[in-house]
Amino acid sequence: MVIDKTLLDELSAKAKENPRLRQNMDLRNSPEDQSQRMLNALELGTVMPIHRHKGTSETVVCIRGHFEEYLYDETGNLTDTIDMVPGGVMLNIEAGQWHSLKCLESGTVLLEVKDGAYMPLDEDELWQEA
């Protein structure tokens, strides 16, 4: 598979039509793969709740567009903001680190890589206001 402008444009068009204003594209060879690789197209206004992955780190790279990744401490205080643009930094979020993001440009696409087979988030992996 070649990931080119046409593919990214098609994925972004699907994100615009999706009520969540984002669209994933699974890059694994099969659901049994022991890794998670996906493109995630984001549109302005998408809501990414504060969450963590207890069992895996998450590597994030901005392929196109612009977003900010936010890191939080165990009490929900913002501890870091990382500006993500193509050719900028590549971020490796440690397992258990609370994080979220904000899309800053229509047509943004990022690459996400995690360990192990896909597992939905557990209740204690989503930030709950006290």
N, C-alpha and C. Protein backbone atom coordinates (compact mmCIF):
# COMPACT_ATOMS: atom_id res chain seq x y z
N MET A 1 0.84 -1.17 0.00
CA MET A 1 0.00 0.00 0.00
C MET A 1 0.89 1.24 0.00
N VAL A 2 0.54 2.18 -0.84
CA VAL A 2 1.22 3.47 -0.88
C VAL A 2 0.31 4.48 -0.20
N ILE A 3 0.85 5.15 0.79
CA ILE A 3 0.08 6.18 1.49
C ILE A 3 0.47 7.50 0.86
N ASP A 4 -0.43 8.00 0.00
CA ASP A 4 -0.15 9.22 -0.75
C ASP A 4 -1.23 10.27 -0.48
N LYS A 5 -1.12 11.40 -1.16
CA LYS A 5 -2.06 12.50 -0.96
C LYS A 5 -3.50 12.07 -1.24
N THR A 6 -3.71 11.26 -2.25
CA THR A 6 -5.07 10.80 -2.59
C THR A 6 -5.66 10.01 -1.43
N LEU A 7 -4.90 9.06 -0.89
CA LEU A 7 -5.38 8.26 0.24
C LEU A 7 -5.67 9.15 1.45
N LEU A 8 -4.76 10.08 1.75
CA LEU A 8 -4.97 10.99 2.89
C LEU A 8 -6.18 11.87 2.68
N ASP A 9 -6.39 12.35 1.45
CA ASP A 9 -7.57 13.18 1.14
C ASP A 9 -8.86 12.38 1.33
N GLU A 10 -8.86 11.12 0.89
CA GLU A 10 -10.05 10.26 1.06
C GLU A 10 -10.33 10.02 2.54
N LEU A 11 -9.30 9.77 3.33
CA LEU A 11 -9.47 9.54 4.76
C LEU A 11 -9.98 10.81 5.44
N SER A 12 -9.45 11.96 5.07
CA SER A 12 -9.91 13.23 5.64
C SER A 12 -11.36 13.52 5.26
N ALA A 13 -11.76 13.17 4.04
CA ALA A 13 -13.15 13.36 3.62
C ALA A 13 -14.09 12.51 4.48
N LYS A 14 -13.68 11.30 4.80
CA LYS A 14 -14.48 10.44 5.69
C LYS A 14 -14.57 11.03 7.09
N ALA A 15 -13.47 11.62 7.57
CA ALA A 15 -13.47 12.24 8.90
C ALA A 15 -14.47 13.41 8.93
N LYS A 16 -14.53 14.18 7.86
CA LYS A 16 -15.47 15.31 7.79
C LYS A 16 -16.92 14.84 7.85
N GLU A 17 -17.19 13.66 7.30
CA GLU A 17 -18.56 13.12 7.29
C GLU A 17 -18.91 12.41 8.59
N ASN A 18 -17.91 12.00 9.36
CA ASN A 18 -18.12 11.25 10.59
C ASN A 18 -18.55 12.21 11.70
N PRO A 19 -19.63 11.89 12.44
CA PRO A 19 -20.05 12.78 13.54
C PRO A 19 -18.95 13.04 14.57
N ARG A 20 -18.01 12.11 14.72
CA ARG A 20 -16.90 12.31 15.67
C ARG A 20 -15.80 13.19 15.10
N LEU A 21 -15.89 13.53 13.82
CA LEU A 21 -14.91 14.36 13.12
C LEU A 21 -13.51 13.75 13.12
N ARG A 22 -13.47 12.43 13.11
CA ARG A 22 -12.21 11.72 12.93
C ARG A 22 -12.49 10.35 12.32
N GLN A 23 -11.45 9.81 11.67
CA GLN A 23 -11.59 8.52 10.99
C GLN A 23 -10.26 7.79 11.05
N ASN A 24 -10.30 6.55 11.52
CA ASN A 24 -9.10 5.71 11.57
C ASN A 24 -8.99 4.86 10.32
N MET A 25 -7.76 4.51 9.98
CA MET A 25 -7.49 3.53 8.93
C MET A 25 -6.49 2.53 9.51
N ASP A 26 -6.92 1.31 9.65
CA ASP A 26 -6.10 0.23 10.21
C ASP A 26 -5.03 -0.15 9.21
N LEU A 27 -3.78 -0.17 9.63
CA LEU A 27 -2.67 -0.52 8.75
C LEU A 27 -2.11 -1.92 9.04
N ARG A 28 -2.75 -2.65 9.94
CA ARG A 28 -2.27 -4.00 10.25
C ARG A 28 -2.56 -4.94 9.08
N ASN A 29 -1.83 -6.03 9.04
CA ASN A 29 -2.08 -7.05 8.02
C ASN A 29 -3.33 -7.84 8.33
N SER A 30 -3.62 -8.02 9.65
CA SER A 30 -4.82 -8.74 10.07
C SER A 30 -5.11 -8.36 11.52
N PRO A 31 -6.33 -8.63 11.99
CA PRO A 31 -6.66 -8.33 13.39
C PRO A 31 -5.80 -9.12 14.39
N GLU A 32 -5.15 -10.17 13.94
CA GLU A 32 -4.31 -10.98 14.82
C GLU A 32 -2.90 -10.41 14.98
N ASP A 33 -2.55 -9.39 14.22
CA ASP A 33 -1.23 -8.77 14.36
C ASP A 33 -1.01 -8.35 15.81
N GLN A 34 0.20 -8.50 16.28
CA GLN A 34 0.53 -8.15 17.66
C GLN A 34 1.09 -6.73 17.77
N SER A 35 0.55 -5.86 16.96
CA SER A 35 0.86 -4.43 17.05
C SER A 35 -0.36 -3.68 16.54
N GLN A 36 -0.42 -2.42 16.88
CA GLN A 36 -1.48 -1.55 16.38
C GLN A 36 -0.81 -0.46 15.56
N ARG A 37 -1.20 -0.35 14.31
CA ARG A 37 -0.69 0.68 13.41
C ARG A 37 -1.89 1.28 12.70
N MET A 38 -2.06 2.58 12.85
CA MET A 38 -3.21 3.20 12.19
C MET A 38 -2.92 4.63 11.82
N LEU A 39 -3.61 5.07 10.77
CA LEU A 39 -3.69 6.48 10.47
C LEU A 39 -4.95 7.00 11.15
N ASN A 40 -4.90 8.21 11.65
CA ASN A 40 -6.05 8.82 12.30
C ASN A 40 -6.22 10.21 11.70
N ALA A 41 -7.27 10.38 10.88
CA ALA A 41 -7.58 11.68 10.29
C ALA A 41 -8.44 12.46 11.26
N LEU A 42 -8.07 13.71 11.49
CA LEU A 42 -8.77 14.56 12.46
C LEU A 42 -9.29 15.82 11.77
N GLU A 43 -10.43 16.28 12.24
CA GLU A 43 -10.97 17.55 11.78
C GLU A 43 -11.16 18.48 12.97
N LEU A 44 -11.18 19.77 12.68
CA LEU A 44 -11.39 20.77 13.72
C LEU A 44 -12.66 20.46 14.50
N GLY A 45 -12.58 20.51 15.82
CA GLY A 45 -13.75 20.26 16.67
C GLY A 45 -13.87 18.84 17.17
N THR A 46 -13.05 17.91 16.66
CA THR A 46 -13.12 16.56 17.20
C THR A 46 -12.75 16.58 18.68
N VAL A 47 -13.40 15.74 19.45
CA VAL A 47 -13.14 15.69 20.89
C VAL A 47 -12.39 14.40 21.20
N MET A 48 -11.20 14.55 21.73
CA MET A 48 -10.40 13.40 22.16
C MET A 48 -10.35 13.46 23.68
N PRO A 49 -11.08 12.58 24.35
CA PRO A 49 -11.09 12.64 25.82
C PRO A 49 -9.71 12.33 26.40
N ILE A 50 -9.47 12.83 27.60
CA ILE A 50 -8.24 12.49 28.30
C ILE A 50 -8.29 11.00 28.61
N HIS A 51 -7.23 10.30 28.23
CA HIS A 51 -7.18 8.85 28.41
C HIS A 51 -5.74 8.40 28.57
N ARG A 52 -5.58 7.13 28.87
CA ARG A 52 -4.26 6.52 28.96
C ARG A 52 -4.36 5.08 28.46
N HIS A 53 -3.22 4.50 28.20
CA HIS A 53 -3.12 3.09 27.81
C HIS A 53 -2.21 2.43 28.84
N LYS A 54 -2.79 1.65 29.74
CA LYS A 54 -2.00 1.06 30.83
C LYS A 54 -0.97 0.05 30.33
N GLY A 55 -1.30 -0.66 29.26
CA GLY A 55 -0.44 -1.77 28.84
C GLY A 55 0.46 -1.49 27.66
N THR A 56 0.49 -0.26 27.17
CA THR A 56 1.30 0.01 25.99
C THR A 56 1.71 1.48 25.94
N SER A 57 2.86 1.71 25.37
CA SER A 57 3.22 3.07 25.00
C SER A 57 2.50 3.39 23.69
N GLU A 58 2.53 4.65 23.29
CA GLU A 58 1.90 5.07 22.04
C GLU A 58 2.86 6.02 21.33
N THR A 59 3.24 5.68 20.12
CA THR A 59 4.10 6.54 19.32
C THR A 59 3.22 7.29 18.33
N VAL A 60 3.43 8.61 18.26
CA VAL A 60 2.58 9.48 17.44
C VAL A 60 3.47 10.35 16.55
N VAL A 61 3.09 10.41 15.26
CA VAL A 61 3.80 11.25 14.28
C VAL A 61 2.74 12.00 13.46
N CYS A 62 2.95 13.29 13.27
CA CYS A 62 2.05 14.08 12.43
C CYS A 62 2.47 13.90 10.97
N ILE A 63 1.57 13.35 10.16
CA ILE A 63 1.83 13.13 8.74
C ILE A 63 1.46 14.37 7.93
N ARG A 64 0.33 15.00 8.33
CA ARG A 64 -0.16 16.17 7.60
C ARG A 64 -0.98 17.02 8.56
N GLY A 65 -0.92 18.32 8.41
CA GLY A 65 -1.73 19.22 9.22
C GLY A 65 -1.02 19.68 10.47
N HIS A 66 -1.80 19.83 11.56
CA HIS A 66 -1.26 20.41 12.79
C HIS A 66 -2.16 20.03 13.95
N PHE A 67 -1.57 19.54 15.03
CA PHE A 67 -2.32 19.29 16.25
C PHE A 67 -1.41 19.48 17.45
N GLU A 68 -2.01 19.59 18.61
CA GLU A 68 -1.25 19.65 19.86
C GLU A 68 -1.60 18.43 20.68
N GLU A 69 -0.59 17.82 21.25
CA GLU A 69 -0.78 16.70 22.17
C GLU A 69 -0.61 17.25 23.58
N TYR A 70 -1.51 16.85 24.48
CA TYR A 70 -1.49 17.33 25.86
C TYR A 70 -1.20 16.17 26.79
N LEU A 71 -0.31 16.39 27.75
CA LEU A 71 0.01 15.39 28.76
C LEU A 71 -0.45 15.91 30.12
N TYR A 72 -0.96 14.99 30.96
CA TYR A 72 -1.53 15.34 32.26
C TYR A 72 -0.92 14.48 33.35
N ASP A 73 -0.91 15.03 34.58
CA ASP A 73 -0.46 14.23 35.71
C ASP A 73 -1.63 13.43 36.28
N GLU A 74 -1.38 12.70 37.35
CA GLU A 74 -2.39 11.81 37.94
C GLU A 74 -3.58 12.55 38.55
N THR A 75 -3.45 13.87 38.74
CA THR A 75 -4.57 14.65 39.29
C THR A 75 -5.30 15.43 38.21
N GLY A 76 -4.90 15.24 36.95
CA GLY A 76 -5.57 15.89 35.84
C GLY A 76 -5.03 17.25 35.46
N ASN A 77 -3.90 17.64 36.05
CA ASN A 77 -3.29 18.93 35.71
C ASN A 77 -2.46 18.79 34.44
N LEU A 78 -2.62 19.74 33.53
CA LEU A 78 -1.84 19.77 32.30
C LEU A 78 -0.37 19.96 32.66
N THR A 79 0.48 19.06 32.18
CA THR A 79 1.91 19.15 32.49
C THR A 79 2.76 19.51 31.28
N ASP A 80 2.25 19.26 30.06
CA ASP A 80 3.04 19.55 28.86
C ASP A 80 2.13 19.66 27.65
N THR A 81 2.51 20.53 26.74
CA THR A 81 1.85 20.68 25.44
C THR A 81 2.91 20.50 24.38
N ILE A 82 2.67 19.56 23.47
CA ILE A 82 3.64 19.27 22.41
C ILE A 82 3.02 19.64 21.08
N ASP A 83 3.67 20.55 20.37
CA ASP A 83 3.22 21.00 19.06
C ASP A 83 3.62 19.95 18.02
N MET A 84 2.64 19.44 17.28
CA MET A 84 2.89 18.35 16.33
C MET A 84 2.60 18.83 14.91
N VAL A 85 3.65 18.84 14.08
CA VAL A 85 3.56 19.21 12.67
C VAL A 85 4.41 18.24 11.86
N PRO A 86 4.14 18.10 10.56
CA PRO A 86 4.98 17.24 9.73
C PRO A 86 6.43 17.72 9.77
N GLY A 87 7.35 16.80 9.92
CA GLY A 87 8.76 17.13 9.99
C GLY A 87 9.19 17.63 11.35
N GLY A 88 8.25 17.68 12.29
CA GLY A 88 8.57 18.12 13.65
C GLY A 88 8.97 16.94 14.50
N VAL A 89 8.55 16.96 15.74
CA VAL A 89 8.93 15.90 16.67
C VAL A 89 8.11 14.64 16.44
N MET A 90 8.66 13.52 16.87
CA MET A 90 7.93 12.26 16.97
C MET A 90 7.77 12.02 18.46
N LEU A 91 6.57 11.71 18.90
CA LEU A 91 6.28 11.60 20.32
C LEU A 91 6.06 10.16 20.72
N ASN A 92 6.73 9.73 21.79
CA ASN A 92 6.46 8.41 22.36
C ASN A 92 5.87 8.63 23.75
N ILE A 93 4.59 8.34 23.88
CA ILE A 93 3.86 8.53 25.14
C ILE A 93 4.00 7.24 25.94
N GLU A 94 4.54 7.35 27.15
CA GLU A 94 4.78 6.17 27.99
C GLU A 94 3.47 5.51 28.40
N ALA A 95 3.50 4.21 28.59
CA ALA A 95 2.33 3.47 29.09
C ALA A 95 1.86 4.11 30.39
N GLY A 96 0.55 4.31 30.50
CA GLY A 96 -0.03 4.88 31.71
C GLY A 96 -0.10 6.39 31.75
N GLN A 97 0.51 7.07 30.77
CA GLN A 97 0.52 8.53 30.74
C GLN A 97 -0.84 9.06 30.26
N TRP A 98 -1.46 9.91 31.06
CA TRP A 98 -2.71 10.55 30.65
C TRP A 98 -2.41 11.53 29.52
N HIS A 99 -3.25 11.51 28.47
CA HIS A 99 -3.03 12.40 27.33
C HIS A 99 -4.31 12.64 26.56
N SER A 100 -4.29 13.68 25.76
CA SER A 100 -5.36 14.00 24.82
C SER A 100 -4.74 14.87 23.73
N LEU A 101 -5.53 15.31 22.80
CA LEU A 101 -5.01 16.18 21.74
C LEU A 101 -6.08 17.12 21.25
N LYS A 102 -5.63 18.13 20.51
CA LYS A 102 -6.54 19.09 19.87
C LYS A 102 -6.08 19.28 18.43
N CYS A 103 -7.00 19.08 17.50
CA CYS A 103 -6.73 19.31 16.09
C CYS A 103 -6.73 20.82 15.83
N LEU A 104 -5.70 21.32 15.15
CA LEU A 104 -5.58 22.75 14.88
C LEU A 104 -5.70 23.11 13.40
N GLU A 105 -5.86 22.09 12.54
CA GLU A 105 -5.95 22.34 11.11
C GLU A 105 -6.78 21.25 10.44
N SER A 106 -7.74 21.66 9.62
CA SER A 106 -8.54 20.69 8.86
C SER A 106 -7.61 19.85 7.99
N GLY A 107 -7.93 18.56 7.87
CA GLY A 107 -7.13 17.67 7.05
C GLY A 107 -5.93 17.07 7.76
N THR A 108 -5.88 17.21 9.08
CA THR A 108 -4.76 16.66 9.85
C THR A 108 -4.83 15.14 9.86
N VAL A 109 -3.68 14.50 9.67
CA VAL A 109 -3.58 13.04 9.73
C VAL A 109 -2.34 12.69 10.55
N LEU A 110 -2.53 11.76 11.49
CA LEU A 110 -1.39 11.31 12.28
C LEU A 110 -1.27 9.80 12.19
N LEU A 111 -0.07 9.33 12.45
CA LEU A 111 0.22 7.90 12.52
C LEU A 111 0.34 7.55 13.99
N GLU A 112 -0.38 6.51 14.42
CA GLU A 112 -0.32 6.01 15.80
C GLU A 112 0.17 4.57 15.77
N VAL A 113 1.07 4.25 16.68
CA VAL A 113 1.60 2.89 16.80
C VAL A 113 1.58 2.51 18.28
N LYS A 114 1.01 1.33 18.58
CA LYS A 114 0.96 0.83 19.96
C LYS A 114 1.36 -0.64 19.96
N ASP A 115 1.71 -1.13 21.15
CA ASP A 115 2.07 -2.53 21.33
C ASP A 115 0.83 -3.41 21.43
N GLY A 116 0.98 -4.65 21.03
CA GLY A 116 -0.06 -5.65 21.26
C GLY A 116 -1.27 -5.50 20.36
N ALA A 117 -2.14 -6.48 20.42
CA ALA A 117 -3.38 -6.46 19.65
C ALA A 117 -4.30 -5.38 20.20
N TYR A 118 -5.23 -4.92 19.39
CA TYR A 118 -6.17 -3.87 19.80
C TYR A 118 -7.00 -4.32 21.00
N MET A 119 -7.09 -3.44 21.98
CA MET A 119 -7.95 -3.66 23.15
C MET A 119 -8.68 -2.35 23.41
N PRO A 120 -10.01 -2.39 23.53
CA PRO A 120 -10.73 -1.16 23.86
C PRO A 120 -10.27 -0.65 25.23
N LEU A 121 -10.41 0.66 25.42
CA LEU A 121 -10.01 1.25 26.70
C LEU A 121 -10.90 0.73 27.82
N ASP A 122 -10.27 0.40 28.95
CA ASP A 122 -11.01 0.06 30.16
C ASP A 122 -11.57 1.33 30.78
N GLU A 123 -12.54 1.18 31.64
CA GLU A 123 -13.15 2.34 32.31
C GLU A 123 -12.10 3.17 33.04
N ASP A 124 -11.09 2.54 33.65
CA ASP A 124 -10.07 3.29 34.39
C ASP A 124 -8.98 3.87 33.49
N GLU A 125 -9.17 3.75 32.19
CA GLU A 125 -8.24 4.38 31.24
C GLU A 125 -8.84 5.66 30.65
N LEU A 126 -10.06 5.99 31.01
CA LEU A 126 -10.70 7.25 30.61
C LEU A 126 -10.79 8.15 31.82
N TRP A 127 -10.36 9.42 31.65
CA TRP A 127 -10.34 10.34 32.77
C TRP A 127 -11.77 10.60 33.26
N GLN A 128 -11.96 10.46 34.54
CA GLN A 128 -13.25 10.72 35.16
C GLN A 128 -13.09 11.89 36.10
N GLU A 129 -13.88 12.94 35.89
CA GLU A 129 -13.84 14.09 36.80
C GLU A 129 -14.32 13.65 38.18
N ALA A 130 -13.65 14.12 39.21
CA ALA A 130 -14.02 13.77 40.59
C ALA A 130 -15.24 14.53 41.05
